[in-house]
Amino acid sequence: MTFVITIDGPAGAGKGTLARALSHHYDLALLDTGLLYRSIGVQALEAGIPLDDETQLSRIAHTLAPKDLMRPDLRTHEANDASSKVAVFHKVREALLNFQREFAKNPPAGFQGTILDGRDTGTVICPDATVKFFVTAQVEIRAERRLKELQARGIKSIYSSVLQDMIERDLRDSQRSEAPLRSPEDALTLDTSTLTPEEVLKKAIAFIEMRRSAKKKKSLA
């Protein structure tokens, strides 16, 4: 079985930072699943397709290619907002299901396994993942992080606006009928509110090694 790590959680919690660090540490291929929805949202906006047109959005999803995830405009505030709006639709999520599962099961040549970073990777995409994490933090802290990130890119933003957008995003993600954001039952929850990225990584590695050790002992029993 392929070594698969899933990392779920709300925006700005530090999922991406942890995913990249673990990818480097264990030599794992990384898929930021949020980019799939960002790409669909951006393509829809460019084509003038309403973000509530499930049929046309699903058509974009069915034609999504790896190169579409390389666009530099997928990290904008507009792409972020659009992604959570298109992610509520069943046809869109269904169209992307195989894309994500195939990546998880068949990592690119040279990699020892995969990491999926998103909001339903441990609950829906890979419920049998080797190790699962749920990364979270206080919404005010997450908003501060997102504000600094936007400002670092030269994007003018104000804290109150970023905070409100994040609260609304959390609400959409947690209350949608399709694969709502929630922590997998067998995941380790990491609250990064008061932790440095290095501390989060250390806790994650310790958990992974504990799981691997337990699995090894079980196989030898």
N, C-alpha and C. Protein backbone atom coordinates (compact mmCIF):
# COMPACT_ATOMS: atom_id res chain seq x y z
N MET A 1 0.84 -1.21 0.00
CA MET A 1 0.00 0.00 0.00
C MET A 1 0.87 1.25 0.00
N THR A 2 0.52 2.21 -0.83
CA THR A 2 1.27 3.46 -0.92
C THR A 2 1.21 4.24 0.39
N PHE A 3 2.33 4.82 0.78
CA PHE A 3 2.40 5.66 1.99
C PHE A 3 1.71 6.98 1.68
N VAL A 4 0.57 7.24 2.34
CA VAL A 4 -0.23 8.43 2.06
C VAL A 4 -0.48 9.21 3.35
N ILE A 5 -0.21 10.51 3.29
CA ILE A 5 -0.50 11.41 4.41
C ILE A 5 -1.56 12.40 3.94
N THR A 6 -2.59 12.61 4.75
CA THR A 6 -3.59 13.63 4.44
C THR A 6 -3.52 14.73 5.49
N ILE A 7 -3.69 15.96 5.04
CA ILE A 7 -3.68 17.12 5.95
C ILE A 7 -4.88 17.99 5.63
N ASP A 8 -5.83 18.03 6.53
CA ASP A 8 -7.03 18.84 6.35
C ASP A 8 -7.08 19.97 7.37
N GLY A 9 -7.93 20.95 7.09
CA GLY A 9 -8.08 22.06 8.02
C GLY A 9 -8.54 23.31 7.32
N PRO A 10 -8.91 24.34 8.08
CA PRO A 10 -9.39 25.60 7.51
C PRO A 10 -8.27 26.43 6.91
N ALA A 11 -8.65 27.47 6.18
CA ALA A 11 -7.69 28.37 5.53
C ALA A 11 -6.81 29.07 6.55
N GLY A 12 -5.52 29.19 6.22
CA GLY A 12 -4.60 29.95 7.06
C GLY A 12 -4.12 29.23 8.31
N ALA A 13 -4.43 27.94 8.44
CA ALA A 13 -4.04 27.22 9.64
C ALA A 13 -2.60 26.73 9.60
N GLY A 14 -2.04 26.63 8.39
CA GLY A 14 -0.67 26.15 8.26
C GLY A 14 -0.57 24.80 7.57
N LYS A 15 -1.64 24.37 6.91
CA LYS A 15 -1.64 23.08 6.22
C LYS A 15 -0.54 23.01 5.17
N GLY A 16 -0.46 24.05 4.34
CA GLY A 16 0.51 24.06 3.25
C GLY A 16 1.94 24.05 3.75
N THR A 17 2.20 24.80 4.80
CA THR A 17 3.55 24.86 5.37
C THR A 17 3.97 23.48 5.88
N LEU A 18 3.06 22.82 6.59
CA LEU A 18 3.36 21.49 7.11
C LEU A 18 3.49 20.49 5.97
N ALA A 19 2.61 20.58 4.99
CA ALA A 19 2.65 19.63 3.86
C ALA A 19 3.98 19.72 3.11
N ARG A 20 4.43 20.94 2.86
CA ARG A 20 5.70 21.12 2.14
C ARG A 20 6.88 20.58 2.96
N ALA A 21 6.85 20.82 4.26
CA ALA A 21 7.95 20.36 5.13
C ALA A 21 7.98 18.83 5.19
N LEU A 22 6.82 18.20 5.31
CA LEU A 22 6.76 16.75 5.37
C LEU A 22 7.12 16.13 4.02
N SER A 23 6.73 16.80 2.96
CA SER A 23 7.05 16.34 1.61
C SER A 23 8.56 16.26 1.44
N HIS A 24 9.25 17.28 1.91
CA HIS A 24 10.71 17.33 1.81
C HIS A 24 11.35 16.30 2.74
N HIS A 25 10.83 16.18 3.94
CA HIS A 25 11.42 15.28 4.95
C HIS A 25 11.32 13.81 4.55
N TYR A 26 10.16 13.44 3.99
CA TYR A 26 9.93 12.03 3.65
C TYR A 26 10.01 11.73 2.15
N ASP A 27 10.34 12.73 1.35
CA ASP A 27 10.43 12.56 -0.10
C ASP A 27 9.09 12.08 -0.67
N LEU A 28 8.04 12.84 -0.40
CA LEU A 28 6.69 12.50 -0.85
C LEU A 28 6.19 13.52 -1.87
N ALA A 29 5.44 13.03 -2.85
CA ALA A 29 4.84 13.91 -3.85
C ALA A 29 3.68 14.66 -3.18
N LEU A 30 3.55 15.94 -3.46
CA LEU A 30 2.56 16.78 -2.79
C LEU A 30 1.49 17.28 -3.76
N LEU A 31 0.23 17.16 -3.33
CA LEU A 31 -0.89 17.71 -4.08
C LEU A 31 -1.69 18.64 -3.18
N ASP A 32 -1.71 19.93 -3.52
CA ASP A 32 -2.54 20.90 -2.84
C ASP A 32 -3.90 20.84 -3.52
N THR A 33 -4.84 20.12 -2.93
CA THR A 33 -6.12 19.89 -3.60
C THR A 33 -6.93 21.18 -3.76
N GLY A 34 -6.63 22.17 -2.93
CA GLY A 34 -7.33 23.44 -3.06
C GLY A 34 -7.07 24.11 -4.41
N LEU A 35 -5.91 23.81 -5.00
CA LEU A 35 -5.58 24.40 -6.31
C LEU A 35 -6.53 23.90 -7.39
N LEU A 36 -7.07 22.70 -7.22
CA LEU A 36 -8.02 22.16 -8.20
C LEU A 36 -9.25 23.05 -8.26
N TYR A 37 -9.76 23.40 -7.10
CA TYR A 37 -10.96 24.24 -7.04
C TYR A 37 -10.66 25.69 -7.41
N ARG A 38 -9.47 26.14 -7.06
CA ARG A 38 -9.07 27.49 -7.45
C ARG A 38 -8.99 27.60 -8.97
N SER A 39 -8.43 26.56 -9.60
CA SER A 39 -8.30 26.57 -11.05
C SER A 39 -9.65 26.59 -11.73
N ILE A 40 -10.59 25.80 -11.23
CA ILE A 40 -11.94 25.78 -11.80
C ILE A 40 -12.59 27.16 -11.64
N GLY A 41 -12.44 27.75 -10.46
CA GLY A 41 -13.02 29.06 -10.21
C GLY A 41 -12.45 30.13 -11.12
N VAL A 42 -11.13 30.13 -11.26
CA VAL A 42 -10.47 31.13 -12.11
C VAL A 42 -10.88 30.95 -13.58
N GLN A 43 -10.90 29.71 -14.04
CA GLN A 43 -11.30 29.46 -15.43
C GLN A 43 -12.75 29.89 -15.67
N ALA A 44 -13.60 29.65 -14.68
CA ALA A 44 -15.00 30.05 -14.81
C ALA A 44 -15.14 31.57 -14.89
N LEU A 45 -14.40 32.27 -14.03
CA LEU A 45 -14.46 33.74 -14.03
C LEU A 45 -13.97 34.30 -15.37
N GLU A 46 -12.91 33.70 -15.91
CA GLU A 46 -12.38 34.15 -17.19
C GLU A 46 -13.38 33.94 -18.33
N ALA A 47 -14.12 32.84 -18.24
CA ALA A 47 -15.07 32.51 -19.30
C ALA A 47 -16.44 33.15 -19.08
N GLY A 48 -16.58 33.89 -17.98
CA GLY A 48 -17.87 34.53 -17.70
C GLY A 48 -18.93 33.55 -17.23
N ILE A 49 -18.50 32.42 -16.70
CA ILE A 49 -19.43 31.40 -16.21
C ILE A 49 -19.78 31.71 -14.75
N PRO A 50 -21.06 31.80 -14.43
CA PRO A 50 -21.46 32.08 -13.04
C PRO A 50 -20.95 30.99 -12.11
N LEU A 51 -20.54 31.37 -10.91
CA LEU A 51 -19.99 30.42 -9.97
C LEU A 51 -21.05 29.55 -9.29
N ASP A 52 -22.31 29.68 -9.75
CA ASP A 52 -23.36 28.80 -9.26
C ASP A 52 -23.91 27.92 -10.37
N ASP A 53 -23.24 27.91 -11.52
CA ASP A 53 -23.65 27.08 -12.65
C ASP A 53 -22.94 25.72 -12.53
N GLU A 54 -23.55 24.80 -11.81
CA GLU A 54 -22.92 23.51 -11.51
C GLU A 54 -22.57 22.72 -12.77
N THR A 55 -23.43 22.75 -13.77
CA THR A 55 -23.19 21.98 -14.98
C THR A 55 -21.93 22.43 -15.71
N GLN A 56 -21.80 23.74 -15.92
CA GLN A 56 -20.62 24.25 -16.63
C GLN A 56 -19.35 24.13 -15.79
N LEU A 57 -19.49 24.29 -14.49
CA LEU A 57 -18.33 24.15 -13.62
C LEU A 57 -17.82 22.71 -13.64
N SER A 58 -18.73 21.75 -13.69
CA SER A 58 -18.32 20.34 -13.72
C SER A 58 -17.64 20.01 -15.04
N ARG A 59 -18.02 20.69 -16.11
CA ARG A 59 -17.36 20.47 -17.41
C ARG A 59 -15.90 20.92 -17.34
N ILE A 60 -15.68 22.04 -16.67
CA ILE A 60 -14.30 22.51 -16.49
C ILE A 60 -13.53 21.49 -15.66
N ALA A 61 -14.16 20.98 -14.62
CA ALA A 61 -13.51 20.01 -13.74
C ALA A 61 -13.10 18.75 -14.49
N HIS A 62 -13.92 18.31 -15.41
CA HIS A 62 -13.62 17.08 -16.17
C HIS A 62 -12.45 17.26 -17.13
N THR A 63 -12.15 18.49 -17.49
CA THR A 63 -11.05 18.73 -18.44
C THR A 63 -9.80 19.26 -17.75
N LEU A 64 -9.81 19.30 -16.42
CA LEU A 64 -8.67 19.84 -15.67
C LEU A 64 -7.42 19.01 -15.92
N ALA A 65 -6.31 19.68 -16.16
CA ALA A 65 -5.03 19.01 -16.41
C ALA A 65 -3.99 19.52 -15.42
N PRO A 66 -2.93 18.75 -15.16
CA PRO A 66 -1.89 19.16 -14.21
C PRO A 66 -1.33 20.55 -14.49
N LYS A 67 -1.21 20.92 -15.77
CA LYS A 67 -0.66 22.23 -16.12
C LYS A 67 -1.54 23.37 -15.61
N ASP A 68 -2.84 23.09 -15.45
CA ASP A 68 -3.76 24.13 -14.97
C ASP A 68 -3.47 24.52 -13.53
N LEU A 69 -2.75 23.67 -12.81
CA LEU A 69 -2.45 23.94 -11.40
C LEU A 69 -1.19 24.78 -11.23
N MET A 70 -0.54 25.11 -12.35
CA MET A 70 0.71 25.86 -12.31
C MET A 70 0.50 27.36 -12.51
N ARG A 71 -0.73 27.77 -12.75
CA ARG A 71 -1.01 29.18 -13.01
C ARG A 71 -0.66 30.06 -11.81
N PRO A 72 0.03 31.17 -12.01
CA PRO A 72 0.41 32.05 -10.90
C PRO A 72 -0.78 32.76 -10.25
N ASP A 73 -1.88 32.89 -11.00
CA ASP A 73 -3.03 33.63 -10.45
C ASP A 73 -3.91 32.77 -9.55
N LEU A 74 -3.51 31.55 -9.24
CA LEU A 74 -4.31 30.70 -8.36
C LEU A 74 -4.11 31.05 -6.89
N ARG A 75 -3.16 31.94 -6.60
CA ARG A 75 -2.89 32.33 -5.21
C ARG A 75 -3.51 33.67 -4.85
N THR A 76 -4.35 34.20 -5.71
CA THR A 76 -4.97 35.50 -5.45
C THR A 76 -6.16 35.37 -4.52
N HIS A 77 -6.59 36.49 -3.97
CA HIS A 77 -7.76 36.51 -3.10
C HIS A 77 -9.00 36.08 -3.88
N GLU A 78 -9.11 36.51 -5.15
CA GLU A 78 -10.25 36.18 -5.99
C GLU A 78 -10.34 34.67 -6.21
N ALA A 79 -9.19 34.05 -6.46
CA ALA A 79 -9.15 32.60 -6.68
C ALA A 79 -9.55 31.86 -5.41
N ASN A 80 -9.09 32.36 -4.28
CA ASN A 80 -9.41 31.74 -3.00
C ASN A 80 -10.91 31.79 -2.73
N ASP A 81 -11.49 32.95 -2.98
CA ASP A 81 -12.93 33.13 -2.74
C ASP A 81 -13.74 32.26 -3.70
N ALA A 82 -13.33 32.23 -4.96
CA ALA A 82 -14.05 31.46 -5.98
C ALA A 82 -13.99 29.96 -5.67
N SER A 83 -12.86 29.51 -5.14
CA SER A 83 -12.69 28.07 -4.90
C SER A 83 -13.73 27.52 -3.93
N SER A 84 -14.00 28.26 -2.85
CA SER A 84 -14.95 27.75 -1.87
C SER A 84 -16.38 27.79 -2.40
N LYS A 85 -16.63 28.64 -3.38
CA LYS A 85 -17.97 28.73 -3.97
C LYS A 85 -18.23 27.58 -4.93
N VAL A 86 -17.21 27.20 -5.71
CA VAL A 86 -17.41 26.09 -6.66
C VAL A 86 -17.31 24.74 -5.97
N ALA A 87 -16.65 24.70 -4.79
CA ALA A 87 -16.43 23.43 -4.09
C ALA A 87 -17.69 22.86 -3.45
N VAL A 88 -18.76 23.62 -3.42
CA VAL A 88 -19.98 23.14 -2.77
C VAL A 88 -20.78 22.19 -3.65
N PHE A 89 -20.44 22.11 -4.95
CA PHE A 89 -21.25 21.35 -5.88
C PHE A 89 -20.82 19.89 -6.02
N HIS A 90 -21.81 19.00 -5.98
CA HIS A 90 -21.57 17.56 -6.06
C HIS A 90 -20.88 17.17 -7.36
N LYS A 91 -21.35 17.69 -8.48
CA LYS A 91 -20.80 17.30 -9.78
C LYS A 91 -19.33 17.72 -9.90
N VAL A 92 -18.99 18.84 -9.33
CA VAL A 92 -17.60 19.32 -9.37
C VAL A 92 -16.71 18.40 -8.55
N ARG A 93 -17.12 18.11 -7.33
CA ARG A 93 -16.32 17.27 -6.45
C ARG A 93 -16.20 15.85 -7.01
N GLU A 94 -17.28 15.36 -7.57
CA GLU A 94 -17.26 14.02 -8.15
C GLU A 94 -16.28 13.94 -9.31
N ALA A 95 -16.25 15.00 -10.13
CA ALA A 95 -15.35 15.02 -11.28
C ALA A 95 -13.88 15.00 -10.86
N LEU A 96 -13.58 15.55 -9.69
CA LEU A 96 -12.19 15.64 -9.22
C LEU A 96 -11.77 14.47 -8.35
N LEU A 97 -12.72 13.62 -7.99
CA LEU A 97 -12.44 12.52 -7.07
C LEU A 97 -11.37 11.58 -7.61
N ASN A 98 -11.53 11.10 -8.83
CA ASN A 98 -10.55 10.18 -9.42
C ASN A 98 -9.18 10.82 -9.59
N PHE A 99 -9.16 12.09 -9.97
CA PHE A 99 -7.91 12.83 -10.16
C PHE A 99 -7.08 12.75 -8.87
N GLN A 100 -7.73 13.01 -7.74
CA GLN A 100 -7.04 13.04 -6.46
C GLN A 100 -6.65 11.64 -5.98
N ARG A 101 -7.55 10.69 -6.15
CA ARG A 101 -7.26 9.33 -5.69
C ARG A 101 -6.15 8.68 -6.51
N GLU A 102 -6.13 8.95 -7.81
CA GLU A 102 -5.08 8.39 -8.65
C GLU A 102 -3.72 8.96 -8.27
N PHE A 103 -3.70 10.24 -7.95
CA PHE A 103 -2.44 10.87 -7.51
C PHE A 103 -1.96 10.21 -6.22
N ALA A 104 -2.90 9.99 -5.30
CA ALA A 104 -2.54 9.40 -4.01
C ALA A 104 -1.99 7.99 -4.17
N LYS A 105 -2.61 7.20 -5.02
CA LYS A 105 -2.21 5.80 -5.17
C LYS A 105 -0.97 5.62 -6.05
N ASN A 106 -0.78 6.54 -6.97
CA ASN A 106 0.32 6.40 -7.93
C ASN A 106 1.20 7.65 -7.94
N PRO A 107 2.09 7.80 -6.96
CA PRO A 107 2.96 8.98 -6.91
C PRO A 107 3.89 9.03 -8.13
N PRO A 108 4.26 10.22 -8.56
CA PRO A 108 5.20 10.36 -9.69
C PRO A 108 6.48 9.59 -9.41
N ALA A 109 7.16 9.19 -10.47
CA ALA A 109 8.39 8.41 -10.36
C ALA A 109 9.40 9.11 -9.45
N GLY A 110 10.01 8.34 -8.58
CA GLY A 110 11.05 8.87 -7.71
C GLY A 110 10.57 9.21 -6.31
N PHE A 111 9.25 9.27 -6.10
CA PHE A 111 8.71 9.62 -4.78
C PHE A 111 8.31 8.36 -4.01
N GLN A 112 8.42 8.44 -2.69
CA GLN A 112 8.15 7.29 -1.83
C GLN A 112 6.69 7.19 -1.39
N GLY A 113 5.89 8.17 -1.75
CA GLY A 113 4.49 8.20 -1.35
C GLY A 113 3.91 9.57 -1.68
N THR A 114 2.77 9.89 -1.08
CA THR A 114 2.09 11.14 -1.40
C THR A 114 1.55 11.85 -0.17
N ILE A 115 1.37 13.16 -0.32
CA ILE A 115 0.70 13.98 0.68
C ILE A 115 -0.40 14.75 -0.02
N LEU A 116 -1.60 14.71 0.54
CA LEU A 116 -2.71 15.50 0.02
C LEU A 116 -3.11 16.53 1.06
N ASP A 117 -3.14 17.77 0.65
CA ASP A 117 -3.43 18.90 1.53
C ASP A 117 -4.76 19.50 1.08
N GLY A 118 -5.75 19.54 1.99
CA GLY A 118 -7.04 20.09 1.59
C GLY A 118 -8.04 20.19 2.72
N ARG A 119 -9.30 19.85 2.42
CA ARG A 119 -10.36 19.96 3.42
C ARG A 119 -11.17 18.67 3.56
N ASP A 120 -11.01 17.73 2.64
CA ASP A 120 -11.73 16.46 2.77
C ASP A 120 -10.84 15.29 2.37
N THR A 121 -9.53 15.49 2.42
CA THR A 121 -8.62 14.45 1.94
C THR A 121 -8.61 13.22 2.85
N GLY A 122 -8.77 13.43 4.14
CA GLY A 122 -8.76 12.29 5.07
C GLY A 122 -10.12 11.70 5.33
N THR A 123 -11.18 12.44 5.00
CA THR A 123 -12.54 11.96 5.24
C THR A 123 -13.19 11.35 4.00
N VAL A 124 -12.87 11.90 2.82
CA VAL A 124 -13.52 11.46 1.59
C VAL A 124 -12.55 10.91 0.55
N ILE A 125 -11.50 11.67 0.26
CA ILE A 125 -10.58 11.29 -0.82
C ILE A 125 -9.79 10.03 -0.45
N CYS A 126 -9.15 10.06 0.70
CA CYS A 126 -8.31 8.92 1.13
C CYS A 126 -8.65 8.52 2.56
N PRO A 127 -9.81 7.94 2.78
CA PRO A 127 -10.18 7.55 4.15
C PRO A 127 -9.27 6.47 4.73
N ASP A 128 -8.52 5.78 3.88
CA ASP A 128 -7.61 4.74 4.35
C ASP A 128 -6.15 5.20 4.35
N ALA A 129 -5.94 6.51 4.39
CA ALA A 129 -4.58 7.06 4.38
C ALA A 129 -3.76 6.51 5.55
N THR A 130 -2.46 6.41 5.35
CA THR A 130 -1.56 5.88 6.37
C THR A 130 -1.59 6.74 7.64
N VAL A 131 -1.52 8.06 7.44
CA VAL A 131 -1.51 9.01 8.56
C VAL A 131 -2.38 10.21 8.18
N LYS A 132 -3.16 10.70 9.15
CA LYS A 132 -4.04 11.84 8.91
C LYS A 132 -3.78 12.94 9.95
N PHE A 133 -3.81 14.19 9.46
CA PHE A 133 -3.69 15.34 10.35
C PHE A 133 -4.86 16.29 10.11
N PHE A 134 -5.26 16.98 11.17
CA PHE A 134 -6.22 18.08 11.04
C PHE A 134 -5.55 19.29 11.67
N VAL A 135 -5.21 20.26 10.84
CA VAL A 135 -4.47 21.44 11.28
C VAL A 135 -5.43 22.62 11.42
N THR A 136 -5.43 23.26 12.57
CA THR A 136 -6.34 24.36 12.80
C THR A 136 -5.64 25.46 13.59
N ALA A 137 -6.34 26.58 13.81
CA ALA A 137 -5.82 27.71 14.60
C ALA A 137 -6.98 28.68 14.80
N GLN A 138 -6.84 29.56 15.77
CA GLN A 138 -7.87 30.56 16.02
C GLN A 138 -8.06 31.42 14.77
N VAL A 139 -9.31 31.74 14.45
CA VAL A 139 -9.60 32.44 13.21
C VAL A 139 -8.91 33.81 13.14
N GLU A 140 -8.77 34.49 14.29
CA GLU A 140 -8.11 35.80 14.29
C GLU A 140 -6.64 35.66 13.88
N ILE A 141 -6.01 34.62 14.37
CA ILE A 141 -4.60 34.37 14.04
C ILE A 141 -4.47 33.98 12.58
N ARG A 142 -5.41 33.18 12.11
CA ARG A 142 -5.36 32.77 10.70
C ARG A 142 -5.55 33.98 9.77
N ALA A 143 -6.40 34.90 10.19
CA ALA A 143 -6.62 36.11 9.39
C ALA A 143 -5.36 36.97 9.35
N GLU A 144 -4.66 37.07 10.48
CA GLU A 144 -3.41 37.84 10.54
C GLU A 144 -2.37 37.23 9.60
N ARG A 145 -2.29 35.90 9.59
CA ARG A 145 -1.34 35.22 8.71
C ARG A 145 -1.68 35.47 7.25
N ARG A 146 -2.96 35.37 6.91
CA ARG A 146 -3.37 35.58 5.53
C ARG A 146 -3.10 37.03 5.10
N LEU A 147 -3.33 37.98 6.01
CA LEU A 147 -3.07 39.39 5.70
C LEU A 147 -1.60 39.60 5.37
N LYS A 148 -0.71 39.05 6.19
CA LYS A 148 0.73 39.18 5.95
C LYS A 148 1.12 38.54 4.62
N GLU A 149 0.50 37.42 4.32
CA GLU A 149 0.78 36.72 3.07
C GLU A 149 0.39 37.57 1.87
N LEU A 150 -0.79 38.18 1.95
CA LEU A 150 -1.26 39.03 0.85
C LEU A 150 -0.38 40.27 0.71
N GLN A 151 -0.03 40.87 1.83
CA GLN A 151 0.80 42.07 1.79
C GLN A 151 2.19 41.77 1.24
N ALA A 152 2.70 40.58 1.54
CA ALA A 152 4.01 40.17 1.03
C ALA A 152 4.00 40.06 -0.49
N ARG A 153 2.83 39.81 -1.04
CA ARG A 153 2.69 39.70 -2.50
C ARG A 153 2.35 41.03 -3.14
N GLY A 154 2.26 42.07 -2.30
CA GLY A 154 1.95 43.39 -2.83
C GLY A 154 0.47 43.62 -3.02
N ILE A 155 -0.35 42.78 -2.41
CA ILE A 155 -1.81 42.90 -2.53
C ILE A 155 -2.33 43.72 -1.35
N LYS A 156 -2.95 44.85 -1.64
CA LYS A 156 -3.46 45.72 -0.58
C LYS A 156 -4.70 45.09 0.06
N SER A 157 -4.66 44.95 1.37
CA SER A 157 -5.78 44.36 2.11
C SER A 157 -5.82 44.96 3.50
N ILE A 158 -6.99 44.84 4.15
CA ILE A 158 -7.12 45.30 5.53
C ILE A 158 -7.58 44.11 6.38
N TYR A 159 -7.17 44.11 7.63
CA TYR A 159 -7.42 42.98 8.52
C TYR A 159 -8.91 42.65 8.65
N SER A 160 -9.74 43.66 8.85
CA SER A 160 -11.17 43.41 9.07
C SER A 160 -11.81 42.69 7.88
N SER A 161 -11.37 43.07 6.67
CA SER A 161 -11.91 42.44 5.47
C SER A 161 -11.45 40.98 5.35
N VAL A 162 -10.17 40.76 5.63
CA VAL A 162 -9.62 39.40 5.55
C VAL A 162 -10.29 38.51 6.59
N LEU A 163 -10.48 39.04 7.80
CA LEU A 163 -11.11 38.28 8.88
C LEU A 163 -12.55 37.90 8.50
N GLN A 164 -13.30 38.85 7.98
CA GLN A 164 -14.68 38.58 7.60
C GLN A 164 -14.76 37.54 6.49
N ASP A 165 -13.87 37.67 5.51
CA ASP A 165 -13.83 36.69 4.41
C ASP A 165 -13.52 35.30 4.94
N MET A 166 -12.63 35.23 5.91
CA MET A 166 -12.23 33.94 6.46
C MET A 166 -13.37 33.31 7.27
N ILE A 167 -14.09 34.12 8.01
CA ILE A 167 -15.24 33.63 8.77
C ILE A 167 -16.29 33.07 7.82
N GLU A 168 -16.54 33.80 6.73
CA GLU A 168 -17.53 33.35 5.75
C GLU A 168 -17.06 32.08 5.05
N ARG A 169 -15.76 32.00 4.76
CA ARG A 169 -15.20 30.81 4.12
C ARG A 169 -15.34 29.60 5.03
N ASP A 170 -15.03 29.78 6.30
CA ASP A 170 -15.16 28.69 7.27
C ASP A 170 -16.60 28.17 7.30
N LEU A 171 -17.53 29.10 7.27
CA LEU A 171 -18.95 28.75 7.33
C LEU A 171 -19.36 27.94 6.10
N ARG A 172 -18.92 28.40 4.92
CA ARG A 172 -19.26 27.68 3.68
C ARG A 172 -18.65 26.28 3.70
N ASP A 173 -17.38 26.19 4.13
CA ASP A 173 -16.69 24.91 4.10
C ASP A 173 -17.26 23.91 5.10
N SER A 174 -17.66 24.39 6.26
CA SER A 174 -18.14 23.48 7.30
C SER A 174 -19.61 23.11 7.17
N GLN A 175 -20.39 23.96 6.49
CA GLN A 175 -21.83 23.70 6.39
C GLN A 175 -22.29 23.20 5.03
N ARG A 176 -21.37 23.08 4.06
CA ARG A 176 -21.79 22.59 2.75
C ARG A 176 -22.23 21.14 2.87
N SER A 177 -23.16 20.75 2.00
CA SER A 177 -23.69 19.38 2.04
C SER A 177 -22.70 18.37 1.48
N GLU A 178 -21.85 18.81 0.56
CA GLU A 178 -20.87 17.93 -0.06
C GLU A 178 -19.52 17.99 0.66
N ALA A 179 -19.12 16.88 1.27
CA ALA A 179 -17.82 16.76 1.93
C ALA A 179 -17.48 17.97 2.78
N PRO A 180 -18.27 18.26 3.81
CA PRO A 180 -17.98 19.41 4.68
C PRO A 180 -16.65 19.26 5.40
N LEU A 181 -16.06 20.38 5.75
CA LEU A 181 -14.79 20.37 6.49
C LEU A 181 -15.02 19.82 7.89
N ARG A 182 -14.32 18.75 8.22
CA ARG A 182 -14.36 18.19 9.57
C ARG A 182 -13.11 17.35 9.78
N SER A 183 -12.79 17.13 11.02
CA SER A 183 -11.59 16.35 11.34
C SER A 183 -11.88 14.86 11.24
N PRO A 184 -11.03 14.11 10.52
CA PRO A 184 -11.20 12.65 10.48
C PRO A 184 -11.08 12.10 11.89
N GLU A 185 -11.84 11.06 12.21
CA GLU A 185 -11.84 10.50 13.56
C GLU A 185 -10.46 10.02 14.00
N ASP A 186 -9.68 9.52 13.05
CA ASP A 186 -8.37 8.96 13.40
C ASP A 186 -7.22 9.92 13.11
N ALA A 187 -7.53 11.20 13.01
CA ALA A 187 -6.49 12.20 12.71
C ALA A 187 -5.91 12.79 14.00
N LEU A 188 -4.67 13.25 13.91
CA LEU A 188 -4.08 14.02 15.00
C LEU A 188 -4.39 15.48 14.74
N THR A 189 -5.02 16.14 15.70
CA THR A 189 -5.33 17.56 15.56
C THR A 189 -4.14 18.39 16.05
N LEU A 190 -3.70 19.30 15.20
CA LEU A 190 -2.59 20.19 15.54
C LEU A 190 -3.10 21.63 15.54
N ASP A 191 -3.18 22.22 16.72
CA ASP A 191 -3.59 23.62 16.82
C ASP A 191 -2.31 24.47 16.75
N THR A 192 -2.17 25.20 15.66
CA THR A 192 -0.93 25.95 15.42
C THR A 192 -0.97 27.38 15.93
N SER A 193 -2.01 27.73 16.69
CA SER A 193 -2.18 29.11 17.15
C SER A 193 -0.94 29.67 17.83
N THR A 194 -0.31 28.85 18.67
CA THR A 194 0.85 29.33 19.44
C THR A 194 2.12 28.54 19.13
N LEU A 195 2.12 27.80 18.04
CA LEU A 195 3.27 26.98 17.68
C LEU A 195 4.00 27.55 16.47
N THR A 196 5.31 27.38 16.43
CA THR A 196 6.09 27.76 15.26
C THR A 196 5.98 26.62 14.24
N PRO A 197 6.26 26.90 12.96
CA PRO A 197 6.24 25.83 11.95
C PRO A 197 7.16 24.67 12.32
N GLU A 198 8.30 24.98 12.95
CA GLU A 198 9.23 23.94 13.35
C GLU A 198 8.64 23.04 14.44
N GLU A 199 7.90 23.63 15.35
CA GLU A 199 7.27 22.87 16.42
C GLU A 199 6.16 21.97 15.88
N VAL A 200 5.41 22.51 14.92
CA VAL A 200 4.33 21.74 14.29
C VAL A 200 4.92 20.54 13.55
N LEU A 201 6.00 20.78 12.81
CA LEU A 201 6.66 19.72 12.06
C LEU A 201 7.17 18.63 13.00
N LYS A 202 7.76 19.02 14.10
CA LYS A 202 8.30 18.06 15.07
C LYS A 202 7.20 17.16 15.62
N LYS A 203 6.05 17.75 15.96
CA LYS A 203 4.92 16.97 16.46
C LYS A 203 4.39 16.02 15.39
N ALA A 204 4.34 16.51 14.16
CA ALA A 204 3.82 15.69 13.06
C ALA A 204 4.73 14.49 12.79
N ILE A 205 6.03 14.73 12.76
CA ILE A 205 6.98 13.64 12.52
C ILE A 205 6.90 12.60 13.64
N ALA A 206 6.79 13.06 14.87
CA ALA A 206 6.69 12.13 16.01
C ALA A 206 5.46 11.24 15.88
N PHE A 207 4.35 11.83 15.42
CA PHE A 207 3.11 11.07 15.25
C PHE A 207 3.26 10.05 14.12
N ILE A 208 3.86 10.48 13.02
CA ILE A 208 4.07 9.58 11.88
C ILE A 208 4.94 8.40 12.28
N GLU A 209 6.02 8.67 12.97
CA GLU A 209 6.93 7.60 13.38
C GLU A 209 6.27 6.65 14.38
N MET A 210 5.42 7.18 15.23
CA MET A 210 4.67 6.35 16.17
C MET A 210 3.75 5.40 15.42
N ARG A 211 3.05 5.94 14.40
CA ARG A 211 2.14 5.12 13.60
C ARG A 211 2.91 4.06 12.82
N ARG A 212 4.03 4.43 12.25
CA ARG A 212 4.83 3.48 11.47
C ARG A 212 5.38 2.37 12.36
N SER A 213 5.80 2.74 13.56
CA SER A 213 6.34 1.77 14.49
C SER A 213 5.26 0.79 14.93
N ALA A 214 4.06 1.31 15.20
CA ALA A 214 2.94 0.47 15.63
C ALA A 214 2.54 -0.50 14.51
N LYS A 215 2.55 0.00 13.28
CA LYS A 215 2.19 -0.84 12.13
C LYS A 215 3.22 -1.94 11.93
N LYS A 216 4.49 -1.60 12.12
CA LYS A 216 5.56 -2.58 11.96
C LYS A 216 5.46 -3.68 13.01
N LYS A 217 5.19 -3.29 14.26
CA LYS A 217 5.05 -4.27 15.34
C LYS A 217 3.86 -5.18 15.09
N LYS A 218 2.79 -4.60 14.55
CA LYS A 218 1.58 -5.39 14.27
C LYS A 218 1.85 -6.43 13.18
N SER A 219 2.62 -6.02 12.16
CA SER A 219 2.92 -6.95 11.06
C SER A 219 3.84 -8.08 11.49
N LEU A 220 4.65 -7.84 12.55
CA LEU A 220 5.57 -8.85 13.03
C LEU A 220 4.95 -9.78 14.08
N ALA A 221 3.80 -9.34 14.58
CA ALA A 221 3.14 -10.12 15.64
C ALA A 221 2.58 -11.45 15.11
